[in-house]
Amino acid sequence: MTKVLDVQEKIKQALDRMGWSQRRFAEVLFYEITDDEADDSEEQIDKFYQKVKKSLQRPTTSTELLESYFVILTKQADYKKAHLVHETSARLDFVDQSILKAVSLVGKDLLKQMDLAEREAEDL
């Protein structure tokens, strides 16, 4: 899968976990990207929505554009509420390997517990 398709899929999965439609995402993007004096009529927002919708489908969309959309998405409160974590790279070569392994195991255990809790909640 190409980088563009990966980022498109990452955005779509995050929107799904957040319970957001592409239209809602487009509205948030519109207000984040445009300045305060921009025409924010329904017509302009709808045009922007169509642009965002196409950018999430076309394999020719700029990776940089999609990444900028994703960064805005990660700053939303619903993103954090959905227990989504934005991956960032960090220099870890100065940390002892045993600590890294322990942190990794704890993280995996937490993810398993979260998945189990979600499944139990769905069964209710």
Protein backbone atom coordinates (compact mmCIF):
# COMPACT_ATOMS: atom_id res chain seq x y z
CA MET A 1 0.00 0.00 0.00
CA THR A 2 1.31 3.45 -0.79
CA LYS A 3 1.94 6.16 1.78
CA VAL A 4 -1.08 8.12 0.49
CA LEU A 5 -3.40 5.15 0.93
CA ASP A 6 -1.94 4.48 4.39
CA VAL A 7 -2.65 8.03 5.57
CA GLN A 8 -6.12 8.03 4.00
CA GLU A 9 -6.93 4.80 5.80
CA LYS A 10 -5.50 6.12 9.08
CA ILE A 11 -7.77 9.17 8.86
CA LYS A 12 -10.84 7.10 7.98
CA GLN A 13 -10.22 4.67 10.85
CA ALA A 14 -9.76 7.52 13.32
CA LEU A 15 -12.98 9.18 12.12
CA ASP A 16 -14.81 5.88 12.53
CA ARG A 17 -13.49 5.37 16.08
CA MET A 18 -14.41 8.95 16.93
CA GLY A 19 -17.91 8.57 15.48
CA TRP A 20 -17.32 11.45 13.09
CA SER A 21 -18.60 11.72 9.54
CA GLN A 22 -16.38 13.02 6.77
CA ARG A 23 -18.66 16.08 6.63
CA ARG A 24 -18.06 16.89 10.30
CA PHE A 25 -14.32 16.42 9.76
CA ALA A 26 -14.45 18.76 6.76
CA GLU A 27 -16.25 21.43 8.79
CA VAL A 28 -13.62 21.26 11.54
CA LEU A 29 -10.85 21.43 8.92
CA PHE A 30 -12.55 24.36 7.23
CA TYR A 31 -12.58 26.44 10.40
CA GLU A 32 -9.04 25.38 11.37
CA ILE A 33 -7.53 26.13 7.96
CA THR A 34 -9.37 29.26 6.86
CA ASP A 35 -8.91 32.64 8.45
CA ASP A 36 -11.58 34.32 10.56
CA GLU A 37 -12.71 36.56 7.73
CA ALA A 38 -13.29 33.77 5.21
CA ASP A 39 -16.72 33.24 3.71
CA ASP A 40 -18.16 30.50 5.91
CA SER A 41 -21.46 30.11 4.12
CA GLU A 42 -22.99 26.66 3.78
CA GLU A 43 -22.07 26.75 0.09
CA GLN A 44 -18.37 27.31 0.86
CA ILE A 45 -18.35 24.65 3.54
CA ASP A 46 -20.04 22.20 1.15
CA LYS A 47 -17.43 22.92 -1.54
CA PHE A 48 -14.70 22.32 1.00
CA TYR A 49 -16.39 19.09 2.12
CA GLN A 50 -16.41 17.82 -1.47
CA LYS A 51 -12.69 18.63 -1.72
CA VAL A 52 -11.89 16.79 1.52
CA LYS A 53 -14.04 13.81 0.53
CA LYS A 54 -12.18 13.49 -2.77
CA SER A 55 -8.82 13.88 -1.06
CA LEU A 56 -9.67 10.86 1.12
CA GLN A 57 -10.42 8.76 -1.98
CA ARG A 58 -7.89 9.71 -4.64
CA PRO A 59 -4.51 7.97 -4.67
CA THR A 60 -2.99 11.12 -6.19
CA THR A 61 -3.68 13.29 -3.14
CA SER A 62 -0.60 14.92 -1.66
CA THR A 63 0.74 13.04 1.34
CA GLU A 64 1.64 16.36 2.93
CA LEU A 65 -1.96 17.57 2.65
CA LEU A 66 -3.29 14.39 4.22
CA GLU A 67 -0.70 14.55 7.01
CA SER A 68 -1.73 18.15 7.75
CA TYR A 69 -5.37 17.00 7.94
CA PHE A 70 -4.34 14.21 10.30
CA VAL A 71 -2.44 16.57 12.60
CA ILE A 72 -5.55 18.73 12.92
CA LEU A 73 -7.61 15.61 13.63
CA THR A 74 -5.26 14.50 16.43
CA LYS A 75 -5.77 17.81 18.22
CA GLN A 76 -9.52 17.30 18.59
CA ALA A 77 -10.96 16.37 21.99
CA ASP A 78 -12.91 13.45 20.47
CA TYR A 79 -9.65 11.99 19.17
CA LYS A 80 -8.30 11.85 22.70
CA LYS A 81 -11.62 10.57 24.08
CA ALA A 82 -11.54 7.71 21.58
CA HIS A 83 -8.25 6.62 23.18
CA LEU A 84 -6.42 7.11 19.95
CA VAL A 85 -2.71 7.78 20.19
CA HIS A 86 -0.80 9.79 17.62
CA GLU A 87 2.46 8.07 16.87
CA THR A 88 5.48 10.28 17.13
CA SER A 89 9.06 9.25 16.76
CA ALA A 90 11.44 9.81 19.61
CA ARG A 91 15.13 9.17 20.06
CA LEU A 92 15.34 6.20 22.41
CA ASP A 93 18.92 5.05 21.95
CA PHE A 94 19.86 6.45 25.35
CA VAL A 95 17.21 4.38 27.19
CA ASP A 96 18.15 0.97 28.54
CA GLN A 97 16.70 -1.84 26.40
CA SER A 98 15.15 -3.61 29.40
CA ILE A 99 13.12 -0.48 30.16
CA LEU A 100 11.95 -0.23 26.55
CA LYS A 101 10.90 -3.88 26.59
CA ALA A 102 8.99 -3.44 29.86
CA VAL A 103 7.19 -0.34 28.55
CA SER A 104 6.30 -2.21 25.37
CA LEU A 105 4.84 -5.12 27.36
CA VAL A 106 2.80 -2.77 29.54
CA GLY A 107 1.49 -0.99 26.44
CA LYS A 108 0.47 -4.26 24.80
CA ASP A 109 -1.28 -5.36 27.99
CA LEU A 110 -3.18 -2.07 28.20
CA LEU A 111 -4.31 -2.38 24.59
CA LYS A 112 -5.56 -5.92 25.25
CA GLN A 113 -7.48 -4.71 28.31
CA MET A 114 -9.02 -1.85 26.32
CA ASP A 115 -10.09 -4.21 23.53
CA LEU A 116 -11.59 -6.60 26.07
CA ALA A 117 -13.47 -3.76 27.79
CA GLU A 118 -14.81 -2.55 24.42
CA ARG A 119 -16.03 -6.06 23.53
CA GLU A 120 -17.70 -6.44 26.92
CA ALA A 121 -19.40 -3.06 26.51
CA GLU A 122 -20.69 -4.09 23.08
CA ASP A 123 -22.14 -7.30 24.55
CA LEU A 124 -24.23 -5.35 27.08
